[in-house]
Protein backbone atom coordinates (compact mmCIF):
# COMPACT_ATOMS: atom_id res chain seq x y z
CA MET A 1 0.07 -0.02 0.01
CA THR A 2 1.40 3.37 -1.01
CA SER A 3 1.49 6.30 1.57
CA ASN A 4 0.43 8.60 -1.21
CA ARG A 5 -3.14 9.58 -1.85
CA ILE A 6 -4.29 8.67 -5.40
CA SER A 7 -6.69 10.97 -7.24
CA ILE A 8 -8.53 9.41 -10.08
CA ILE A 9 -9.72 11.93 -12.78
CA ALA A 10 -12.46 10.48 -15.00
CA PRO A 11 -13.64 13.00 -17.71
CA THR A 12 -17.34 12.25 -18.63
CA TYR A 13 -19.93 13.31 -21.03
CA ASN A 14 -23.39 11.68 -21.14
CA GLU A 15 -22.30 8.70 -18.99
CA VAL A 16 -24.82 8.64 -16.32
CA ALA A 17 -25.22 4.84 -16.45
CA ASN A 18 -21.39 4.50 -15.90
CA ILE A 19 -21.07 6.54 -12.78
CA VAL A 20 -22.14 3.96 -10.07
CA PRO A 21 -20.53 0.91 -11.69
CA PHE A 22 -17.32 2.66 -12.16
CA ALA A 23 -17.31 4.16 -8.58
CA GLU A 24 -18.02 0.79 -7.14
CA ARG A 25 -15.13 -0.79 -9.06
CA VAL A 26 -12.83 1.87 -7.77
CA LYS A 27 -13.87 1.22 -4.18
CA ALA A 28 -13.41 -2.53 -4.52
CA SER A 29 -10.05 -2.35 -6.34
CA LEU A 30 -8.45 0.36 -4.17
CA ALA A 31 -9.79 -0.79 -0.81
CA ASP A 32 -6.26 -0.64 0.60
CA PHE A 33 -5.37 2.78 -0.76
CA ASP A 34 -6.12 6.36 0.25
CA TRP A 35 -8.01 7.66 -2.82
CA GLU A 36 -10.43 10.16 -4.21
CA LEU A 37 -12.50 10.06 -7.43
CA LEU A 38 -13.33 13.21 -9.47
CA PHE A 39 -15.85 12.95 -12.26
CA VAL A 40 -15.14 15.93 -14.54
CA ASP A 41 -18.22 16.42 -16.53
CA ASP A 42 -18.67 18.58 -19.63
CA ASN A 43 -22.20 19.62 -18.66
CA SER A 44 -23.88 16.41 -19.80
CA ALA A 45 -27.59 16.54 -20.66
CA ASP A 46 -28.33 13.14 -19.22
CA GLY A 47 -27.77 13.84 -15.55
CA THR A 48 -24.12 12.51 -15.21
CA ALA A 49 -22.95 15.22 -12.91
CA ARG A 50 -26.14 14.90 -10.79
CA LYS A 51 -25.63 11.10 -10.46
CA ALA A 52 -22.02 11.73 -9.38
CA PHE A 53 -23.22 14.35 -6.83
CA GLU A 54 -25.89 11.95 -5.41
CA TYR A 55 -23.26 9.13 -5.08
CA GLY A 56 -20.87 11.53 -3.32
CA ILE A 57 -23.46 12.24 -0.61
CA THR A 58 -22.82 8.84 0.92
CA GLU A 59 -19.22 8.50 -0.32
CA PRO A 60 -17.35 11.83 0.24
CA ARG A 61 -14.27 10.55 -1.64
CA VAL A 62 -16.32 10.94 -4.84
CA ARG A 63 -17.11 14.41 -6.15
CA PRO A 64 -18.11 15.99 -9.48
CA ILE A 65 -16.68 18.96 -11.27
CA ILE A 66 -18.97 20.62 -13.94
CA ARG A 67 -17.53 22.44 -16.89
CA PHE A 68 -19.71 24.77 -18.95
CA VAL A 69 -17.19 26.30 -21.47
CA ASP A 70 -14.05 25.41 -23.27
CA ARG A 71 -14.94 21.73 -23.05
CA GLY A 72 -13.01 18.65 -24.22
CA LEU A 73 -11.25 15.47 -22.91
CA ALA A 74 -7.76 16.97 -22.50
CA LYS A 75 -8.98 20.21 -20.99
CA SER A 76 -11.34 18.35 -18.66
CA SER A 77 -8.47 16.09 -17.54
CA ILE A 78 -6.19 18.96 -16.92
CA GLN A 79 -8.76 20.82 -14.83
CA GLY A 80 -9.41 17.67 -12.79
CA MET A 81 -5.73 17.12 -12.14
CA LEU A 82 -5.35 20.78 -11.05
CA SER A 83 -8.27 20.35 -8.65
CA ALA A 84 -7.18 16.98 -7.19
CA LYS A 85 -5.81 16.58 -3.70
CA GLY A 86 -3.71 13.50 -4.30
CA ASP A 87 0.09 13.11 -4.60
CA LEU A 88 -0.54 10.69 -7.52
CA LEU A 89 -2.87 11.76 -10.31
CA CYS A 90 -4.50 9.13 -12.54
CA VAL A 91 -6.48 9.87 -15.63
CA MET A 92 -8.72 7.09 -16.89
CA ASP A 93 -12.14 6.51 -18.57
CA ALA A 94 -15.20 5.65 -16.56
CA ASP A 95 -16.96 3.57 -19.33
CA GLY A 96 -15.51 0.18 -18.26
CA GLN A 97 -12.70 0.01 -20.80
CA HIS A 98 -10.12 0.92 -18.20
CA ASP A 99 -9.88 -1.43 -15.18
CA PRO A 100 -9.19 0.49 -11.82
CA ALA A 101 -7.49 -2.73 -10.64
CA VAL A 102 -4.59 -2.06 -13.07
CA LEU A 103 -3.74 0.93 -10.93
CA ILE A 104 -2.21 -1.31 -8.31
CA GLU A 105 0.37 -2.54 -10.77
CA MET A 106 0.91 0.97 -12.09
CA VAL A 107 1.67 2.30 -8.51
CA GLU A 108 3.95 -0.65 -7.75
CA ARG A 109 5.87 0.04 -10.97
CA MET A 110 6.15 3.74 -10.17
CA GLU A 111 7.47 3.17 -6.75
CA ARG A 112 9.76 0.19 -7.50
CA ASP A 113 11.53 1.89 -10.43
CA GLY A 114 11.31 5.57 -9.16
CA LEU A 115 9.32 6.71 -12.11
CA ASP A 116 7.49 10.03 -12.60
CA ILE A 117 4.70 8.71 -14.86
CA VAL A 118 3.30 5.15 -15.71
CA SER A 119 0.93 4.65 -18.56
CA ALA A 120 -1.30 1.56 -19.15
CA ALA A 121 -0.63 0.32 -22.70
CA ARG A 122 -3.19 -1.46 -24.81
CA ARG A 123 -2.01 -4.66 -26.45
CA LEU A 124 -2.76 -3.50 -29.94
CA GLU A 125 -1.50 -6.63 -31.62
CA ASP A 126 -3.57 -9.02 -29.54
CA ASP A 127 -7.15 -9.41 -30.92
CA HIS A 128 -8.48 -11.09 -27.74
CA ALA A 129 -7.14 -8.30 -25.49
CA LEU A 130 -8.87 -5.67 -27.56
CA GLU A 131 -12.48 -6.74 -27.60
CA GLY A 132 -13.52 -3.21 -26.79
CA LEU A 133 -11.77 -1.77 -29.87
CA SER A 134 -13.12 -2.07 -33.41
CA PRO A 135 -10.68 -3.09 -36.23
CA ILE A 136 -10.86 0.39 -37.59
CA ARG A 137 -10.13 2.00 -34.20
CA ARG A 138 -7.24 -0.48 -33.65
CA LYS A 139 -5.63 0.38 -37.11
CA LEU A 140 -6.09 4.07 -36.27
CA SER A 141 -4.45 3.58 -33.01
CA GLN A 142 -1.54 1.65 -34.45
CA ILE A 143 -0.87 4.37 -37.08
CA GLY A 144 -1.26 7.16 -34.43
CA ASN A 145 1.16 5.36 -32.10
CA ALA A 146 3.75 5.08 -34.93
CA LEU A 147 3.46 8.89 -35.66
CA SER A 148 3.48 9.80 -31.92
CA SER A 149 6.56 7.69 -31.27
CA PHE A 150 8.25 9.56 -34.09
CA VAL A 151 7.22 12.96 -32.65
CA ILE A 152 8.41 12.04 -29.15
CA GLY A 153 11.61 10.56 -30.43
CA ARG A 154 11.48 7.12 -28.96
CA LYS A 155 9.54 3.92 -29.48
CA LEU A 156 6.58 3.34 -27.07
CA ALA A 157 4.03 0.57 -26.98
CA ASP A 158 1.06 2.92 -26.69
CA PRO A 159 1.62 6.66 -26.35
CA LEU A 160 -2.03 7.28 -27.21
CA THR A 161 -3.52 5.53 -24.22
CA GLY A 162 -5.87 7.54 -22.10
CA PHE A 163 -4.98 5.70 -18.89
CA PHE A 164 -1.93 6.97 -17.00
CA LEU A 165 -0.58 7.82 -13.50
CA ILE A 166 1.68 10.82 -12.90
CA ARG A 167 3.26 12.43 -9.79
CA ARG A 168 1.42 15.68 -8.87
CA ASP A 169 4.58 17.77 -8.43
CA ARG A 170 5.93 16.84 -11.91
CA PHE A 171 2.54 17.58 -13.49
CA LEU A 172 2.22 21.00 -11.88
CA LYS A 173 5.65 22.04 -13.27
CA LEU A 174 4.69 21.09 -16.94
CA ALA A 175 0.88 21.93 -16.92
CA PRO A 176 1.31 25.59 -18.02
CA ASP A 177 3.04 24.43 -21.25
CA LEU A 178 0.37 21.83 -22.21
CA GLY A 179 -1.69 22.50 -25.42
CA ASP A 180 -4.87 20.86 -26.49
CA PRO A 181 -4.43 17.64 -28.42
CA GLY A 182 -8.00 16.91 -28.36
CA PHE A 183 -8.08 13.70 -26.28
CA LYS A 184 -4.48 12.29 -26.10
CA LEU A 185 -3.12 14.19 -23.16
CA LEU A 186 -0.33 11.59 -22.38
CA LEU A 187 1.39 12.35 -25.70
CA ASP A 188 1.42 16.15 -24.96
CA ILE A 189 2.76 15.49 -21.42
CA LEU A 190 5.56 13.26 -22.72
CA TYR A 191 6.48 15.72 -25.50
CA THR A 192 6.39 18.72 -23.17
CA ASP A 193 8.72 17.31 -20.64
CA LYS A 194 11.08 14.73 -22.09
CA THR A 195 12.91 14.42 -18.82
CA LEU A 196 10.03 12.51 -17.18
CA ARG A 197 11.05 8.96 -16.10
CA HIS A 198 8.30 6.97 -17.86
CA GLY A 199 7.30 3.37 -17.82
CA GLU A 200 4.50 1.30 -19.32
CA VAL A 201 2.37 -1.65 -18.10
CA PHE A 202 0.21 -3.68 -20.35
CA PHE A 203 -3.51 -4.23 -19.73
CA ASP A 204 -6.55 -5.75 -21.32
CA PHE A 205 -8.68 -3.05 -22.91
CA GLY A 206 -12.22 -3.80 -21.90
CA THR A 207 -15.64 -3.47 -23.49
CA ARG A 208 -17.59 -0.19 -22.97
CA LEU A 209 -20.39 -0.76 -20.49
CA HIS A 210 -22.66 2.21 -21.57
CA GLY A 211 -22.46 5.19 -23.83
CA SER A 212 -20.64 5.81 -27.15
CA SER A 213 -17.16 6.63 -28.12
CA LYS A 214 -16.02 10.26 -27.91
CA LEU A 215 -13.92 9.84 -31.04
CA ASP A 216 -15.37 11.75 -33.95
CA SER A 217 -14.04 13.45 -37.04
CA TYR A 218 -13.32 16.74 -35.14
CA VAL A 219 -11.18 14.77 -32.62
CA LEU A 220 -9.27 13.05 -35.38
CA TRP A 221 -8.72 16.46 -37.17
CA LYS A 222 -7.60 18.12 -33.94
CA PHE A 223 -5.22 15.39 -33.18
CA ALA A 224 -3.74 15.39 -36.73
CA THR A 225 -3.16 19.10 -36.66
CA PHE A 226 -1.62 18.75 -33.15
CA LEU A 227 0.70 16.04 -34.35
CA MET A 228 1.76 18.30 -37.36
CA SER A 229 2.32 21.22 -35.11
CA LYS A 230 4.66 19.17 -32.89
CA MET A 231 6.57 18.02 -35.95
CA THR A 232 7.38 21.68 -36.53
CA ARG A 233 8.59 21.73 -32.92
CA GLY A 234 5.60 23.85 -32.08
CA ILE A 235 6.76 26.71 -34.38
CA VAL A 236 3.55 26.45 -36.39
CA PRO A 237 0.41 26.51 -34.27
CA ALA A 238 -2.23 23.83 -34.73
CA LYS A 239 -4.87 26.42 -35.49
CA LEU A 240 -2.80 27.93 -38.30
CA ILE A 241 -2.20 24.40 -39.76
CA SER A 242 -5.94 23.79 -39.61
CA PHE A 243 -6.69 27.14 -41.17
CA VAL A 244 -4.31 26.53 -44.06
CA PHE A 245 -5.82 23.12 -44.75
CA VAL A 246 -9.29 24.48 -44.65
CA GLY A 247 -8.03 27.19 -47.02
CA GLY A 248 -6.74 24.45 -49.31
CA SER A 249 -10.16 23.01 -49.55
CA GLY A 250 -11.34 26.49 -50.45
CA VAL A 251 -8.99 26.51 -53.36
CA PHE A 252 -10.77 23.53 -54.87
CA VAL A 253 -14.10 25.31 -54.26
CA HIS A 254 -12.79 28.48 -55.70
CA PHE A 255 -11.48 26.94 -58.98
CA ALA A 256 -14.71 24.87 -59.39
CA VAL A 257 -16.84 27.95 -59.17
CA LEU A 258 -14.40 30.09 -61.24
CA TYR A 259 -14.31 27.83 -64.20
CA SER A 260 -18.04 27.23 -64.06
CA VAL A 261 -18.86 30.84 -64.24
CA LEU A 262 -16.29 31.49 -66.93
CA ALA A 263 -17.95 28.75 -68.94
CA VAL A 264 -21.04 30.88 -69.21
CA SER A 265 -19.11 33.67 -70.75
CA ALA A 266 -18.80 35.94 -67.65
CA SER A 267 -15.81 38.20 -67.45
CA PHE A 268 -12.86 37.14 -65.30
CA ALA A 269 -13.39 39.93 -62.78
CA VAL A 270 -17.08 38.86 -62.22
CA SER A 271 -16.08 35.24 -62.10
CA GLN A 272 -13.34 35.81 -59.64
CA THR A 273 -15.59 37.85 -57.38
CA ILE A 274 -18.27 35.11 -57.30
CA ALA A 275 -15.71 32.44 -56.72
CA THR A 276 -14.00 34.36 -53.95
CA LEU A 277 -17.34 34.96 -52.11
CA ILE A 278 -18.40 31.32 -52.32
CA ALA A 279 -14.98 30.05 -51.28
CA THR A 280 -14.95 32.50 -48.42
CA THR A 281 -18.28 31.20 -47.19
CA SER A 282 -17.04 27.67 -47.40
CA ASN A 283 -13.93 28.51 -45.40
CA PHE A 284 -15.92 30.30 -42.83
CA LEU A 285 -18.22 27.40 -42.17
CA LEU A 286 -15.43 24.83 -42.09
CA ASN A 287 -13.16 26.94 -39.79
CA ASN A 288 -16.19 27.33 -37.47
CA LEU A 289 -16.59 23.53 -37.50
CA LEU A 290 -13.00 22.54 -37.22
CA THR A 291 -10.38 25.21 -36.64
CA PHE A 292 -12.25 27.26 -34.02
CA GLN A 293 -14.45 24.39 -32.67
CA ASP A 294 -13.67 25.47 -29.10
CA ARG A 295 -15.06 28.87 -29.91
CA ARG A 296 -17.74 27.68 -32.35
CA LEU A 297 -20.53 30.12 -33.20
CA HIS A 298 -24.14 29.01 -33.16
CA GLY A 299 -27.51 30.34 -34.27
CA VAL A 300 -27.74 34.12 -34.44
CA ARG A 301 -24.04 34.41 -33.41
CA LEU A 302 -23.10 32.27 -36.44
CA LEU A 303 -25.09 34.43 -38.80
CA SER A 304 -23.70 37.62 -37.12
CA GLY A 305 -20.21 36.23 -37.26
CA TYR A 306 -20.53 35.40 -40.94
CA PHE A 307 -21.60 38.92 -41.80
CA LYS A 308 -18.80 40.33 -39.61
CA PHE A 309 -16.36 38.03 -41.39
CA LEU A 310 -17.52 39.33 -44.81
CA ALA A 311 -17.44 42.99 -43.68
CA VAL A 312 -14.08 42.86 -41.98
CA SER A 313 -12.44 40.74 -44.69
CA ALA A 314 -13.81 43.01 -47.41
CA VAL A 315 -10.31 44.47 -47.77
CA GLY A 316 -8.88 40.98 -48.26
CA ILE A 317 -11.63 40.26 -50.91
CA VAL A 318 -10.87 43.52 -52.79
CA ALA A 319 -7.17 42.70 -52.62
CA ASN A 320 -7.82 39.19 -53.79
CA VAL A 321 -9.86 40.31 -56.85
CA SER A 322 -7.58 43.23 -57.58
CA ALA A 323 -4.37 41.18 -57.36
CA ALA A 324 -5.77 38.31 -59.37
CA THR A 325 -7.19 40.63 -62.08
CA LEU A 326 -3.82 42.47 -62.37
CA ALA A 327 -1.90 39.18 -62.55
CA TYR A 328 -4.34 37.73 -65.06
CA GLU A 329 -3.94 40.83 -67.35
CA ASN A 330 -0.11 40.89 -67.01
CA LEU A 331 0.39 37.20 -67.38
CA ILE A 332 -1.41 36.83 -70.60
CA HIS A 333 -4.57 35.27 -69.19
CA VAL A 334 -3.03 32.64 -67.12
CA VAL A 335 -6.05 31.99 -64.85
CA PHE A 336 -4.43 29.58 -62.38
CA ILE A 337 -1.52 31.77 -61.53
CA ALA A 338 -3.60 34.90 -61.34
CA THR A 339 -6.05 33.16 -58.97
CA LEU A 340 -3.36 31.83 -56.62
CA ALA A 341 -1.93 35.33 -56.25
CA GLY A 342 -5.33 36.53 -55.16
CA ILE A 343 -5.93 33.66 -52.78
CA ALA A 344 -2.43 34.02 -51.10
CA ILE A 345 -3.20 37.63 -50.14
CA ASP A 346 -6.74 36.86 -49.02
CA THR A 347 -5.69 33.86 -46.88
CA VAL A 348 -3.10 35.74 -44.77
CA TRP A 349 -5.54 38.54 -44.18
CA LYS A 350 -8.41 36.17 -43.20
CA PHE A 351 -6.32 34.37 -40.69
CA VAL A 352 -5.48 37.47 -38.90
CA ILE A 353 -9.08 38.63 -38.87
CA ALA A 354 -10.47 35.24 -37.86
CA ASN A 355 -8.16 34.70 -34.95
CA ARG A 356 -8.45 38.24 -33.57
CA PHE A 357 -11.91 39.40 -34.34
CA ILE A 358 -14.35 36.73 -35.35
CA TRP A 359 -13.55 33.82 -33.11
CA LYS A 360 -11.92 35.77 -30.39
């Protein structure tokens, strides 16, 4: 039995049916330990936080933390870790896929080898041990692990696991430098402080009891841009990378519209103006969905933001059309080059506007 208190941080969202079973498993598994359990809930609509509160009435070691804004798995985990009282901080899922009993082995490994952080690695090559992971999710994890090991600079069995234990004092030192990788906080921790003494223990990844996976297209997108940012050693922010890729999709939209309008005998200036406006609208919506998801605009604010975006970026649109038209006339009607010149100017301007004024 360790003399340190263990704080278990379990981020939740719409997991009301998992609260009691998970808390009971923690009590049974850690009966010989000094522990606390924090459910960090992103304002679930199904009463998850309420269930955790009710359970905590008779079990004071269990308490909920409710987050209303700036939600997400990594940010929820960080807030829970900063709010915890324990000397050892454990982040794990409450859906049944992470077994609290594995914590005993993790603590023993940490104390025996004098480690700062111990992560529970999924056996990604063992079909039987991954009953809770679909073939697609397993393949994505294998690819993600390979890329993550490259970014960290050393081979790890599972740097993308969401189940790990870290000493509180080491976490507090690196916490201010953590970013937002979406849901793979361990990778960010290992990348941020490469002096951490780290070890892995293998465990059997279980089947989800209730609820659904939090992995979606946005999380994958955010993780991909996070990885690319780390590959540049953090020089290029993840949001800028996302903005550029969204802008790249706008290029296809732009050219598709441009050539379509030119095909009906419209002038280049008119065609370029229409294409620019449609591509701008496409970029605005995609950036609202992906790049600035944490500041996403909804309803009236979305409409208001769109018109603000058009109004404030009018200078960029004018510069785009003007630069493209001049290039077109001076380059003997080379539509492709002329259009790229306009898009380059417009993209730089829009990023500054978007980051500072629209999704502020």
